[in-house]
Amino acid sequence: MDLSDGFGALIALALSLVLVLLLTPPLIRKMRAGGMVGEDVNKPSRTTVAELGGIAALFAFSISLSLVVGLQKLLGNVAEPPFLAAISVFFMASMIGLIDDISDLKQRLKAIAVAFTALPLLLVHLGPEVIDLPLGHQLGFQGSAYLFYWLILVPIGVTGIANAMNMSAGYNGLESGQIAVVSASLLGIGLLREIPDFSLLIFASLLGCSLGLFYFNRFPARVFIGDIGTLGLGAALGAGVILGHIEFYGVIAIAPAFYEAVATAYYGLRKKNGDRKAACRQPAIEADGILRPPEGASRYTLAYLILSKRPMTERGLVRTLLAIYAASGAVAIALSLV
């Protein structure tokens, strides 16, 4: 087996997908039995849904990468530090997500805490310190800029992607679907630009995890993946982007999520994030399931902005949002070719 021919990435994708499909049903039962459920606020019936589905992805990601890399080491030779770093980033961010799921951390504290999950990447310290750009250009970091890259940009990148994925979630299938779309886009870019093999395996495993979660998280959701999933998967995405030196394309691929980041900063300065959070839990829902933003909340989130222009069902809204992510991913892929 040769990881460089794409076979290893295919195995990692298949393994992570199968593991999530196998682990999630018993996890749902355990969560319900333990009372770990959340209210589905975007439906008239306000049904309860099992929480913490991201636990399945946490194990699937770790096991799939460990098995593929372990087999490769038995058959040949491969450097394992990048994979150990990615798994560590996933675990650390997921633990922060778990704490947030059970205690509701403040957004600022959560952003700072997730930034520290980039530390394993600093320990691995894989160079060169460059960011690939279109038209064959590169942005290099030499001298003191080298420290700026690892001590400032890398932590900001990891927490930025993780929190962007976290803040843009909230609808059946969106949190898992957006990770799947972004992972697929970055995997495509990695194959086209021939980035390091370890980044390809990271993206492939994340794609398998998110596709498996989407099966249970799609409308009508049987499980919410929770912050343990969105922060963990998002941070691992950031790790793959940084290790592959495709930061520019990663930003393009997740561009829709930055609406939430900007809105959080804007309404935070105006001391309205509490009102914003409450509004997100109280959408106007018609008898036929059509969603509308509450009065005065049309710009609170990207979803509410879309609904203010065209009210639609939750399923239609998620399809629209995922189509926007797919368009951003297509732009990122197109730019990677020039």
C-alpha atoms as a PDB file:
ATOM      1  CA  MET A   1       0.000   0.000   0.000  1.00  0.00           C
ATOM      2  CA  ASP A   2       1.362   3.384  -0.993  1.00  0.00           C
ATOM      3  CA  LEU A   3      -0.160   6.462   0.609  1.00  0.00           C
ATOM      4  CA  SER A   4       1.113   8.646  -2.208  1.00  0.00           C
ATOM      5  CA  ASP A   5      -1.109   7.013  -4.841  1.00  0.00           C
ATOM      6  CA  GLY A   6      -4.352   7.997  -3.126  1.00  0.00           C
ATOM      7  CA  PHE A   7      -5.176   4.454  -1.989  1.00  0.00           C
ATOM      8  CA  GLY A   8      -4.446   5.280   1.627  1.00  0.00           C
ATOM      9  CA  ALA A   9      -6.788   8.286   1.497  1.00  0.00           C
ATOM     10  CA  LEU A  10      -9.538   6.099   0.048  1.00  0.00           C
ATOM     11  CA  ILE A  11      -9.112   3.572   2.860  1.00  0.00           C
ATOM     12  CA  ALA A  12      -9.129   6.330   5.498  1.00  0.00           C
ATOM     13  CA  LEU A  13     -12.333   7.760   4.019  1.00  0.00           C
ATOM     14  CA  ALA A  14     -14.062   4.366   3.917  1.00  0.00           C
ATOM     15  CA  LEU A  15     -12.922   3.380   7.415  1.00  0.00           C
ATOM     16  CA  SER A  16     -14.032   6.614   9.048  1.00  0.00           C
ATOM     17  CA  LEU A  17     -17.393   6.478   7.249  1.00  0.00           C
ATOM     18  CA  VAL A  18     -18.084   2.887   8.294  1.00  0.00           C
ATOM     19  CA  LEU A  19     -16.973   3.503  11.882  1.00  0.00           C
ATOM     20  CA  VAL A  20     -19.298   6.502  12.271  1.00  0.00           C
ATOM     21  CA  LEU A  21     -22.191   4.527  10.781  1.00  0.00           C
ATOM     22  CA  LEU A  22     -21.534   1.702  13.254  1.00  0.00           C
ATOM     23  CA  LEU A  23     -20.872   3.823  16.343  1.00  0.00           C
ATOM     24  CA  THR A  24     -23.633   6.414  16.056  1.00  0.00           C
ATOM     25  CA  PRO A  25     -26.771   4.240  16.598  1.00  0.00           C
ATOM     26  CA  PRO A  26     -25.606   2.871  19.989  1.00  0.00           C
ATOM     27  CA  LEU A  27     -24.344   6.338  20.879  1.00  0.00           C
ATOM     28  CA  ILE A  28     -27.820   7.769  20.190  1.00  0.00           C
ATOM     29  CA  ARG A  29     -29.365   5.162  22.476  1.00  0.00           C
ATOM     30  CA  LYS A  30     -26.864   5.906  25.241  1.00  0.00           C
ATOM     31  CA  MET A  31     -27.415   9.655  24.976  1.00  0.00           C
ATOM     32  CA  ARG A  32     -31.187   9.264  25.180  1.00  0.00           C
ATOM     33  CA  ALA A  33     -30.934   6.843  28.089  1.00  0.00           C
ATOM     34  CA  GLY A  34     -28.700   9.318  29.926  1.00  0.00           C
ATOM     35  CA  GLY A  35     -30.954  12.292  29.223  1.00  0.00           C
ATOM     36  CA  MET A  36     -28.397  13.958  26.955  1.00  0.00           C
ATOM     37  CA  VAL A  37     -30.915  15.408  24.513  1.00  0.00           C
ATOM     38  CA  GLY A  38     -31.554  18.820  23.020  1.00  0.00           C
ATOM     39  CA  GLU A  39     -34.647  20.557  21.732  1.00  0.00           C
ATOM     40  CA  ASP A  40     -35.031  20.857  17.971  1.00  0.00           C
ATOM     41  CA  VAL A  41     -36.105  24.508  17.898  1.00  0.00           C
ATOM     42  CA  ASN A  42     -36.729  24.712  14.146  1.00  0.00           C
ATOM     43  CA  LYS A  43     -39.822  22.501  14.131  1.00  0.00           C
ATOM     44  CA  PRO A  44     -43.357  23.265  15.350  1.00  0.00           C
ATOM     45  CA  SER A  45     -43.394  20.107  17.483  1.00  0.00           C
ATOM     46  CA  ARG A  46     -40.146  21.016  19.304  1.00  0.00           C
ATOM     47  CA  THR A  47     -39.010  17.380  19.429  1.00  0.00           C
ATOM     48  CA  THR A  48     -35.941  16.266  21.403  1.00  0.00           C
ATOM     49  CA  VAL A  49     -32.829  14.919  19.680  1.00  0.00           C
ATOM     50  CA  ALA A  50     -29.849  13.013  21.084  1.00  0.00           C
ATOM     51  CA  GLU A  51     -26.767  15.187  21.650  1.00  0.00           C
ATOM     52  CA  LEU A  52     -22.983  14.733  21.365  1.00  0.00           C
ATOM     53  CA  GLY A  53     -22.949  12.791  18.100  1.00  0.00           C
ATOM     54  CA  GLY A  54     -19.483  14.187  17.479  1.00  0.00           C
ATOM     55  CA  ILE A  55     -18.110  11.526  19.852  1.00  0.00           C
ATOM     56  CA  ALA A  56     -18.463   9.002  17.016  1.00  0.00           C
ATOM     57  CA  ALA A  57     -16.380  11.202  14.712  1.00  0.00           C
ATOM     58  CA  LEU A  58     -13.734  11.641  17.400  1.00  0.00           C
ATOM     59  CA  PHE A  59     -13.160   7.896  17.580  1.00  0.00           C
ATOM     60  CA  ALA A  60     -13.587   7.261  13.851  1.00  0.00           C
ATOM     61  CA  PHE A  61     -11.050   9.930  12.883  1.00  0.00           C
ATOM     62  CA  SER A  62      -8.463   8.664  15.356  1.00  0.00           C
ATOM     63  CA  ILE A  63      -8.949   4.981  14.559  1.00  0.00           C
ATOM     64  CA  SER A  64      -9.001   5.385  10.762  1.00  0.00           C
ATOM     65  CA  LEU A  65      -5.800   7.426  10.677  1.00  0.00           C
ATOM     66  CA  SER A  66      -4.074   5.155  13.201  1.00  0.00           C
ATOM     67  CA  LEU A  67      -4.949   1.987  11.265  1.00  0.00           C
ATOM     68  CA  VAL A  68      -3.930   3.346   7.876  1.00  0.00           C
ATOM     69  CA  VAL A  69      -0.661   4.857   9.114  1.00  0.00           C
ATOM     70  CA  GLY A  70       0.098   1.818  11.293  1.00  0.00           C
ATOM     71  CA  LEU A  71      -0.366  -0.516   8.330  1.00  0.00           C
ATOM     72  CA  GLN A  72       1.821   1.699   6.193  1.00  0.00           C
ATOM     73  CA  LYS A  73       4.590   1.564   8.804  1.00  0.00           C
ATOM     74  CA  LEU A  74       4.391  -2.235   8.864  1.00  0.00           C
ATOM     75  CA  LEU A  75       4.675  -2.445   5.086  1.00  0.00           C
ATOM     76  CA  GLY A  76       7.167   0.346   4.561  1.00  0.00           C
ATOM     77  CA  ASN A  77       7.942   3.643   6.219  1.00  0.00           C
ATOM     78  CA  VAL A  78       5.968   6.785   6.944  1.00  0.00           C
ATOM     79  CA  ALA A  79       6.442   9.734   9.266  1.00  0.00           C
ATOM     80  CA  GLU A  80       3.742   9.569  11.936  1.00  0.00           C
ATOM     81  CA  PRO A  81       4.176  12.965  13.736  1.00  0.00           C
ATOM     82  CA  PRO A  82       1.790  14.881  11.410  1.00  0.00           C
ATOM     83  CA  PHE A  83      -0.978  12.354  12.029  1.00  0.00           C
ATOM     84  CA  LEU A  84      -0.406  12.347  15.786  1.00  0.00           C
ATOM     85  CA  ALA A  85      -0.532  16.149  15.727  1.00  0.00           C
ATOM     86  CA  ALA A  86      -3.828  16.163  13.802  1.00  0.00           C
ATOM     87  CA  ILE A  87      -5.381  13.614  16.176  1.00  0.00           C
ATOM     88  CA  SER A  88      -4.197  15.656  19.165  1.00  0.00           C
ATOM     89  CA  VAL A  89      -5.689  18.845  17.712  1.00  0.00           C
ATOM     90  CA  PHE A  90      -9.001  17.025  17.176  1.00  0.00           C
ATOM     91  CA  PHE A  91      -9.043  15.636  20.726  1.00  0.00           C
ATOM     92  CA  MET A  92      -8.120  18.916  22.410  1.00  0.00           C
ATOM     93  CA  ALA A  93     -10.703  20.945  20.468  1.00  0.00           C
ATOM     94  CA  SER A  94     -13.344  18.278  21.079  1.00  0.00           C
ATOM     95  CA  MET A  95     -12.743  18.407  24.822  1.00  0.00           C
ATOM     96  CA  ILE A  96     -13.288  22.164  24.752  1.00  0.00           C
ATOM     97  CA  GLY A  97     -16.450  21.498  22.755  1.00  0.00           C
ATOM     98  CA  LEU A  98     -17.622  18.955  25.330  1.00  0.00           C
ATOM     99  CA  ILE A  99     -17.129  21.470  28.135  1.00  0.00           C
ATOM    100  CA  ASP A 100     -19.104  24.012  26.108  1.00  0.00           C
ATOM    101  CA  ASP A 101     -21.880  21.475  25.451  1.00  0.00           C
ATOM    102  CA  ILE A 102     -22.398  20.872  29.163  1.00  0.00           C
ATOM    103  CA  SER A 103     -21.603  24.316  30.584  1.00  0.00           C
ATOM    104  CA  ASP A 104     -22.009  26.916  27.771  1.00  0.00           C
ATOM    105  CA  LEU A 105     -18.661  28.720  27.526  1.00  0.00           C
ATOM    106  CA  LYS A 106     -18.508  32.355  26.482  1.00  0.00           C
ATOM    107  CA  GLN A 107     -17.615  32.786  22.809  1.00  0.00           C
ATOM    108  CA  ARG A 108     -14.461  34.794  23.548  1.00  0.00           C
ATOM    109  CA  LEU A 109     -13.163  32.205  26.011  1.00  0.00           C
ATOM    110  CA  LYS A 110     -13.952  29.411  23.565  1.00  0.00           C
ATOM    111  CA  ALA A 111     -12.024  31.133  20.763  1.00  0.00           C
ATOM    112  CA  ILE A 112      -8.979  31.639  22.982  1.00  0.00           C
ATOM    113  CA  ALA A 113      -9.084  28.072  24.313  1.00  0.00           C
ATOM    114  CA  VAL A 114      -9.297  26.520  20.853  1.00  0.00           C
ATOM    115  CA  ALA A 115      -6.297  28.587  19.739  1.00  0.00           C
ATOM    116  CA  PHE A 116      -4.180  26.582  22.191  1.00  0.00           C
ATOM    117  CA  THR A 117      -5.160  23.348  20.446  1.00  0.00           C
ATOM    118  CA  ALA A 118      -2.714  24.396  17.699  1.00  0.00           C
ATOM    119  CA  LEU A 119       0.200  23.569  20.024  1.00  0.00           C
ATOM    120  CA  PRO A 120       0.687  20.028  18.608  1.00  0.00           C
ATOM    121  CA  LEU A 121       1.265  21.603  15.180  1.00  0.00           C
ATOM    122  CA  LEU A 122       4.018  23.754  16.672  1.00  0.00           C
ATOM    123  CA  LEU A 123       5.604  20.641  18.177  1.00  0.00           C
ATOM    124  CA  VAL A 124       5.590  18.884  14.809  1.00  0.00           C
ATOM    125  CA  HIS A 125       6.869  22.086  13.223  1.00  0.00           C
ATOM    126  CA  LEU A 126       6.761  20.976   9.585  1.00  0.00           C
ATOM    127  CA  GLY A 127       8.204  23.457   7.122  1.00  0.00           C
ATOM    128  CA  PRO A 128       8.613  25.240   4.860  1.00  0.00           C
ATOM    129  CA  GLU A 129       6.732  28.194   6.356  1.00  0.00           C
ATOM    130  CA  VAL A 130       4.934  29.230   3.177  1.00  0.00           C
ATOM    131  CA  ILE A 131       1.358  29.766   2.035  1.00  0.00           C
ATOM    132  CA  ASP A 132       0.587  28.671  -1.519  1.00  0.00           C
ATOM    133  CA  LEU A 133      -1.214  31.264  -3.653  1.00  0.00           C
ATOM    134  CA  PRO A 134      -2.690  31.236  -7.183  1.00  0.00           C
ATOM    135  CA  LEU A 135      -0.523  31.783 -10.283  1.00  0.00           C
ATOM    136  CA  GLY A 136       2.372  29.916  -8.700  1.00  0.00           C
ATOM    137  CA  HIS A 137       3.014  32.555  -6.045  1.00  0.00           C
ATOM    138  CA  GLN A 138       3.931  31.815  -2.448  1.00  0.00           C
ATOM    139  CA  LEU A 139       3.912  33.885   0.712  1.00  0.00           C
ATOM    140  CA  GLY A 140       7.016  32.978   2.697  1.00  0.00           C
ATOM    141  CA  PHE A 141       7.872  33.707   6.329  1.00  0.00           C
ATOM    142  CA  GLN A 142      11.535  34.276   7.076  1.00  0.00           C
ATOM    143  CA  GLY A 143      13.382  35.724  10.075  1.00  0.00           C
ATOM    144  CA  SER A 144      11.062  37.135  12.712  1.00  0.00           C
ATOM    145  CA  ALA A 145       8.096  36.460  10.417  1.00  0.00           C
ATOM    146  CA  TYR A 146       8.802  32.757  10.980  1.00  0.00           C
ATOM    147  CA  LEU A 147       7.828  33.158  14.644  1.00  0.00           C
ATOM    148  CA  PHE A 148       4.823  35.269  13.659  1.00  0.00           C
ATOM    149  CA  TYR A 149       3.603  32.431  11.431  1.00  0.00           C
ATOM    150  CA  TRP A 150       3.814  29.691  14.073  1.00  0.00           C
ATOM    151  CA  LEU A 151       2.928  31.664  17.185  1.00  0.00           C
ATOM    152  CA  ILE A 152       0.210  33.931  15.768  1.00  0.00           C
ATOM    153  CA  LEU A 153      -1.115  32.845  12.372  1.00  0.00           C
ATOM    154  CA  VAL A 154      -1.295  29.096  13.047  1.00  0.00           C
ATOM    155  CA  PRO A 155      -3.322  29.414  16.314  1.00  0.00           C
ATOM    156  CA  ILE A 156      -5.573  32.032  14.679  1.00  0.00           C
ATOM    157  CA  GLY A 157      -6.096  29.740  11.702  1.00  0.00           C
ATOM    158  CA  VAL A 158      -7.074  26.722  13.802  1.00  0.00           C
ATOM    159  CA  THR A 159      -9.442  28.609  16.115  1.00  0.00           C
ATOM    160  CA  GLY A 160     -10.813  30.633  13.188  1.00  0.00           C
ATOM    161  CA  ILE A 161     -11.857  27.589  11.167  1.00  0.00           C
ATOM    162  CA  ALA A 162     -13.096  25.652  14.211  1.00  0.00           C
ATOM    163  CA  ASN A 163     -15.220  28.485  15.557  1.00  0.00           C
ATOM    164  CA  ALA A 164     -16.454  29.445  12.080  1.00  0.00           C
ATOM    165  CA  MET A 165     -17.782  25.899  11.622  1.00  0.00           C
ATOM    166  CA  ASN A 166     -19.276  26.001  15.112  1.00  0.00           C
ATOM    167  CA  MET A 167     -21.035  29.354  14.781  1.00  0.00           C
ATOM    168  CA  SER A 168     -22.589  28.593  11.393  1.00  0.00           C
ATOM    169  CA  ALA A 169     -24.296  25.386  12.591  1.00  0.00           C
ATOM    170  CA  GLY A 170     -27.810  25.045  14.030  1.00  0.00           C
ATOM    171  CA  TYR A 171     -30.013  23.299  11.455  1.00  0.00           C
ATOM    172  CA  ASN A 172     -30.570  19.623  10.711  1.00  0.00           C
ATOM    173  CA  GLY A 173     -27.708  18.438   8.499  1.00  0.00           C
ATOM    174  CA  LEU A 174     -25.909  21.775   8.295  1.00  0.00           C
ATOM    175  CA  GLU A 175     -23.122  21.213  10.817  1.00  0.00           C
ATOM    176  CA  SER A 176     -22.146  17.833   9.353  1.00  0.00           C
ATOM    177  CA  GLY A 177     -22.959  18.807   5.774  1.00  0.00           C
ATOM    178  CA  GLN A 178     -20.764  21.903   5.744  1.00  0.00           C
ATOM    179  CA  ILE A 179     -17.792  19.903   7.077  1.00  0.00           C
ATOM    180  CA  ALA A 180     -18.375  17.312   4.342  1.00  0.00           C
ATOM    181  CA  VAL A 181     -18.517  19.941   1.580  1.00  0.00           C
ATOM    182  CA  VAL A 182     -15.442  21.812   2.822  1.00  0.00           C
ATOM    183  CA  SER A 183     -13.478  18.568   3.352  1.00  0.00           C
ATOM    184  CA  ALA A 184     -14.340  17.382  -0.151  1.00  0.00           C
ATOM    185  CA  SER A 185     -13.263  20.717  -1.632  1.00  0.00           C
ATOM    186  CA  LEU A 186      -9.956  20.702   0.237  1.00  0.00           C
ATOM    187  CA  LEU A 187      -9.334  17.056  -0.658  1.00  0.00           C
ATOM    188  CA  GLY A 188      -9.863  17.956  -4.315  1.00  0.00           C
ATOM    189  CA  ILE A 189      -7.481  20.901  -4.020  1.00  0.00           C
ATOM    190  CA  GLY A 190      -4.920  18.674  -2.301  1.00  0.00           C
ATOM    191  CA  LEU A 191      -5.048  16.123  -5.099  1.00  0.00           C
ATOM    192  CA  LEU A 192      -4.746  18.811  -7.765  1.00  0.00           C
ATOM    193  CA  ARG A 193      -1.847  20.601  -6.084  1.00  0.00           C
ATOM    194  CA  GLU A 194      -0.137  17.434  -4.851  1.00  0.00           C
ATOM    195  CA  ILE A 195       0.102  18.547  -1.236  1.00  0.00           C
ATOM    196  CA  PRO A 196       1.768  16.307   1.406  1.00  0.00           C
ATOM    197  CA  ASP A 197       0.151  12.894   1.768  1.00  0.00           C
ATOM    198  CA  PHE A 198      -0.674  13.366   5.453  1.00  0.00           C
ATOM    199  CA  SER A 199      -2.977  16.297   4.655  1.00  0.00           C
ATOM    200  CA  LEU A 200      -4.796  14.188   2.065  1.00  0.00           C
ATOM    201  CA  LEU A 201      -5.425  11.477   4.656  1.00  0.00           C
ATOM    202  CA  ILE A 202      -6.662  14.057   7.165  1.00  0.00           C
ATOM    203  CA  PHE A 203      -9.158  15.528   4.673  1.00  0.00           C
ATOM    204  CA  ALA A 204     -10.261  12.057   3.522  1.00  0.00           C
ATOM    205  CA  SER A 205     -10.886  10.896   7.086  1.00  0.00           C
ATOM    206  CA  LEU A 206     -12.784  14.086   7.895  1.00  0.00           C
ATOM    207  CA  LEU A 207     -14.907  13.606   4.778  1.00  0.00           C
ATOM    208  CA  GLY A 208     -15.783  10.064   5.846  1.00  0.00           C
ATOM    209  CA  CYS A 209     -16.629  11.170   9.392  1.00  0.00           C
ATOM    210  CA  SER A 210     -18.833  14.043   8.256  1.00  0.00           C
ATOM    211  CA  LEU A 211     -20.661  11.951   5.643  1.00  0.00           C
ATOM    212  CA  GLY A 212     -21.415   9.335   8.295  1.00  0.00           C
ATOM    213  CA  LEU A 213     -22.669  11.990  10.700  1.00  0.00           C
ATOM    214  CA  PHE A 214     -24.743  13.609   7.976  1.00  0.00           C
ATOM    215  CA  TYR A 215     -26.702  10.368   7.556  1.00  0.00           C
ATOM    216  CA  PHE A 216     -27.975  10.703  11.141  1.00  0.00           C
ATOM    217  CA  ASN A 217     -27.885  14.496  11.400  1.00  0.00           C
ATOM    218  CA  ARG A 218     -29.825  15.286   8.207  1.00  0.00           C
ATOM    219  CA  PHE A 219     -33.500  16.281   8.338  1.00  0.00           C
ATOM    220  CA  PRO A 220     -35.195  15.047  10.469  1.00  0.00           C
ATOM    221  CA  ALA A 221     -32.153  14.797  12.717  1.00  0.00           C
ATOM    222  CA  ARG A 222     -31.683  11.763  14.929  1.00  0.00           C
ATOM    223  CA  VAL A 223     -28.587  13.262  16.548  1.00  0.00           C
ATOM    224  CA  PHE A 224     -26.944  16.656  16.988  1.00  0.00           C
ATOM    225  CA  ILE A 225     -23.169  16.528  16.672  1.00  0.00           C
ATOM    226  CA  GLY A 226     -22.695  19.250  19.298  1.00  0.00           C
ATOM    227  CA  ASP A 227     -19.746  21.556  19.840  1.00  0.00           C
ATOM    228  CA  ILE A 228     -17.675  18.460  20.532  1.00  0.00           C
ATOM    229  CA  GLY A 229     -18.151  17.688  16.845  1.00  0.00           C
ATOM    230  CA  THR A 230     -18.097  21.114  15.217  1.00  0.00           C
ATOM    231  CA  LEU A 231     -15.054  22.347  17.125  1.00  0.00           C
ATOM    232  CA  GLY A 232     -13.183  19.050  16.813  1.00  0.00           C
ATOM    233  CA  LEU A 233     -13.852  18.568  13.109  1.00  0.00           C
ATOM    234  CA  GLY A 234     -13.237  22.245  12.397  1.00  0.00           C
ATOM    235  CA  ALA A 235      -9.909  22.268  14.246  1.00  0.00           C
ATOM    236  CA  ALA A 236      -8.798  19.126  12.406  1.00  0.00           C
ATOM    237  CA  LEU A 237      -9.711  20.858   9.143  1.00  0.00           C
ATOM    238  CA  GLY A 238      -7.478  23.729  10.191  1.00  0.00           C
ATOM    239  CA  ALA A 239      -4.659  21.293  10.969  1.00  0.00           C
ATOM    240  CA  GLY A 240      -4.931  19.718   7.522  1.00  0.00           C
ATOM    241  CA  VAL A 241      -4.970  23.119   5.835  1.00  0.00           C
ATOM    242  CA  ILE A 242      -1.866  24.302   7.712  1.00  0.00           C
ATOM    243  CA  LEU A 243       0.064  21.058   7.230  1.00  0.00           C
ATOM    244  CA  GLY A 244      -0.776  21.185   3.518  1.00  0.00           C
ATOM    245  CA  HIS A 245       0.162  24.891   3.171  1.00  0.00           C
ATOM    246  CA  ILE A 246      -3.169  25.674   1.472  1.00  0.00           C
ATOM    247  CA  GLU A 247      -4.364  28.315   3.932  1.00  0.00           C
ATOM    248  CA  PHE A 248      -5.492  30.692   1.178  1.00  0.00           C
ATOM    249  CA  TYR A 249      -7.778  28.102  -0.398  1.00  0.00           C
ATOM    250  CA  GLY A 250      -9.053  26.987   3.010  1.00  0.00           C
ATOM    251  CA  VAL A 251     -10.239  30.520   3.760  1.00  0.00           C
ATOM    252  CA  ILE A 252     -12.061  30.649   0.408  1.00  0.00           C
ATOM    253  CA  ALA A 253     -13.697  27.256   0.985  1.00  0.00           C
ATOM    254  CA  ILE A 254     -15.188  28.263   4.366  1.00  0.00           C
ATOM    255  CA  ALA A 255     -15.981  31.857   3.352  1.00  0.00           C
ATOM    256  CA  PRO A 256     -19.753  31.610   4.081  1.00  0.00           C
ATOM    257  CA  ALA A 257     -19.021  30.783   7.729  1.00  0.00           C
ATOM    258  CA  PHE A 258     -17.255  34.089   8.253  1.00  0.00           C
ATOM    259  CA  TYR A 259     -20.606  35.890   8.076  1.00  0.00           C
ATOM    260  CA  GLU A 260     -21.274  34.421  11.523  1.00  0.00           C
ATOM    261  CA  ALA A 261     -17.833  35.455  12.773  1.00  0.00           C
ATOM    262  CA  VAL A 262     -18.315  39.046  11.636  1.00  0.00           C
ATOM    263  CA  ALA A 263     -21.858  39.114  13.041  1.00  0.00           C
ATOM    264  CA  THR A 264     -20.631  37.756  16.377  1.00  0.00           C
ATOM    265  CA  ALA A 265     -17.962  40.465  16.590  1.00  0.00           C
ATOM    266  CA  TYR A 266     -20.355  43.222  15.483  1.00  0.00           C
ATOM    267  CA  TYR A 267     -23.206  42.334  17.818  1.00  0.00           C
ATOM    268  CA  GLY A 268     -20.723  41.578  20.600  1.00  0.00           C
ATOM    269  CA  LEU A 269     -19.479  45.155  20.445  1.00  0.00           C
ATOM    270  CA  ARG A 270     -23.094  46.307  20.639  1.00  0.00           C
ATOM    271  CA  LYS A 271     -23.772  43.966  23.581  1.00  0.00           C
ATOM    272  CA  LYS A 272     -26.458  42.158  21.589  1.00  0.00           C
ATOM    273  CA  ASN A 273     -25.069  38.641  21.308  1.00  0.00           C
ATOM    274  CA  GLY A 274     -27.415  37.546  24.078  1.00  0.00           C
ATOM    275  CA  ASP A 275     -30.402  38.787  22.065  1.00  0.00           C
ATOM    276  CA  ARG A 276     -28.918  37.186  18.949  1.00  0.00           C
ATOM    277  CA  LYS A 277     -28.550  33.815  20.628  1.00  0.00           C
ATOM    278  CA  ALA A 278     -32.103  33.950  21.973  1.00  0.00           C
ATOM    279  CA  ALA A 279     -33.470  34.878  18.541  1.00  0.00           C
ATOM    280  CA  CYS A 280     -31.727  31.866  16.985  1.00  0.00           C
ATOM    281  CA  ARG A 281     -33.679  29.623  19.339  1.00  0.00           C
ATOM    282  CA  GLN A 282     -37.008  31.290  18.557  1.00  0.00           C
ATOM    283  CA  PRO A 283     -37.570  31.322  14.783  1.00  0.00           C
ATOM    284  CA  ALA A 284     -41.013  32.088  13.428  1.00  0.00           C
ATOM    285  CA  ILE A 285     -42.384  28.723  12.271  1.00  0.00           C
ATOM    286  CA  GLU A 286     -45.546  28.396  10.187  1.00  0.00           C
ATOM    287  CA  ALA A 287     -47.817  25.351  10.337  1.00  0.00           C
ATOM    288  CA  ASP A 288     -46.330  23.933   7.123  1.00  0.00           C
ATOM    289  CA  GLY A 289     -42.787  24.200   8.483  1.00  0.00           C
ATOM    290  CA  ILE A 290     -41.830  27.414   6.679  1.00  0.00           C
ATOM    291  CA  LEU A 291     -39.186  29.318   8.674  1.00  0.00           C
ATOM    292  CA  ARG A 292     -38.878  33.081   9.043  1.00  0.00           C
ATOM    293  CA  PRO A 293     -36.532  35.151  11.198  1.00  0.00           C
ATOM    294  CA  PRO A 294     -38.081  36.772  14.282  1.00  0.00           C
ATOM    295  CA  GLU A 295     -38.815  40.488  14.127  1.00  0.00           C
ATOM    296  CA  GLY A 296     -35.618  42.535  13.930  1.00  0.00           C
ATOM    297  CA  ALA A 297     -33.309  39.488  13.580  1.00  0.00           C
ATOM    298  CA  SER A 298     -32.949  39.325   9.794  1.00  0.00           C
ATOM    299  CA  ARG A 299     -29.218  40.065   9.871  1.00  0.00           C
ATOM    300  CA  TYR A 300     -28.263  38.107  12.955  1.00  0.00           C
ATOM    301  CA  THR A 301     -27.101  35.054  10.969  1.00  0.00           C
ATOM    302  CA  LEU A 302     -26.574  34.101   7.338  1.00  0.00           C
ATOM    303  CA  ALA A 303     -29.513  31.697   7.621  1.00  0.00           C
ATOM    304  CA  TYR A 304     -31.802  34.468   8.879  1.00  0.00           C
ATOM    305  CA  LEU A 305     -30.592  36.789   6.131  1.00  0.00           C
ATOM    306  CA  ILE A 306     -31.568  34.173   3.539  1.00  0.00           C
ATOM    307  CA  LEU A 307     -34.905  33.515   5.247  1.00  0.00           C
ATOM    308  CA  SER A 308     -35.664  37.243   5.338  1.00  0.00           C
ATOM    309  CA  LYS A 309     -35.369  37.309   1.548  1.00  0.00           C
ATOM    310  CA  ARG A 310     -37.114  34.007   0.922  1.00  0.00           C
ATOM    311  CA  PRO A 311     -38.831  32.056   3.733  1.00  0.00           C
ATOM    312  CA  MET A 312     -38.456  28.292   3.287  1.00  0.00           C
ATOM    313  CA  THR A 313     -38.463  24.998   5.132  1.00  0.00           C
ATOM    314  CA  GLU A 314     -35.505  23.891   7.239  1.00  0.00           C
ATOM    315  CA  ARG A 315     -34.592  21.276   4.640  1.00  0.00           C
ATOM    316  CA  GLY A 316     -34.661  23.878   1.876  1.00  0.00           C
ATOM    317  CA  LEU A 317     -32.592  26.293   3.951  1.00  0.00           C
ATOM    318  CA  VAL A 318     -29.896  23.688   4.612  1.00  0.00           C
ATOM    319  CA  ARG A 319     -29.756  22.805   0.928  1.00  0.00           C
ATOM    320  CA  THR A 320     -29.334  26.481   0.090  1.00  0.00           C
ATOM    321  CA  LEU A 321     -26.561  26.963   2.636  1.00  0.00           C
ATOM    322  CA  LEU A 322     -24.722  23.825   1.512  1.00  0.00           C
ATOM    323  CA  ALA A 323     -25.006  25.016  -2.091  1.00  0.00           C
ATOM    324  CA  ILE A 324     -23.309  28.266  -1.043  1.00  0.00           C
ATOM    325  CA  TYR A 325     -20.522  26.269   0.593  1.00  0.00           C
ATOM    326  CA  ALA A 326     -20.223  24.141  -2.546  1.00  0.00           C
ATOM    327  CA  ALA A 327     -19.931  27.305  -4.646  1.00  0.00           C
ATOM    328  CA  SER A 328     -17.191  28.629  -2.367  1.00  0.00           C
ATOM    329  CA  GLY A 329     -15.420  25.280  -2.625  1.00  0.00           C
ATOM    330  CA  ALA A 330     -15.685  25.392  -6.411  1.00  0.00           C
ATOM    331  CA  VAL A 331     -14.136  28.882  -6.420  1.00  0.00           C
ATOM    332  CA  ALA A 332     -11.300  27.624  -4.203  1.00  0.00           C
ATOM    333  CA  ILE A 333     -10.696  24.669  -6.543  1.00  0.00           C
ATOM    334  CA  ALA A 334     -10.746  26.935  -9.586  1.00  0.00           C
ATOM    335  CA  LEU A 335      -8.232  29.323  -8.003  1.00  0.00           C
ATOM    336  CA  SER A 336      -5.959  26.390  -7.128  1.00  0.00           C
ATOM    337  CA  LEU A 337      -5.730  25.576 -10.844  1.00  0.00           C
ATOM    338  CA  VAL A 338      -4.486  28.977 -11.974  1.00  0.00           C
END
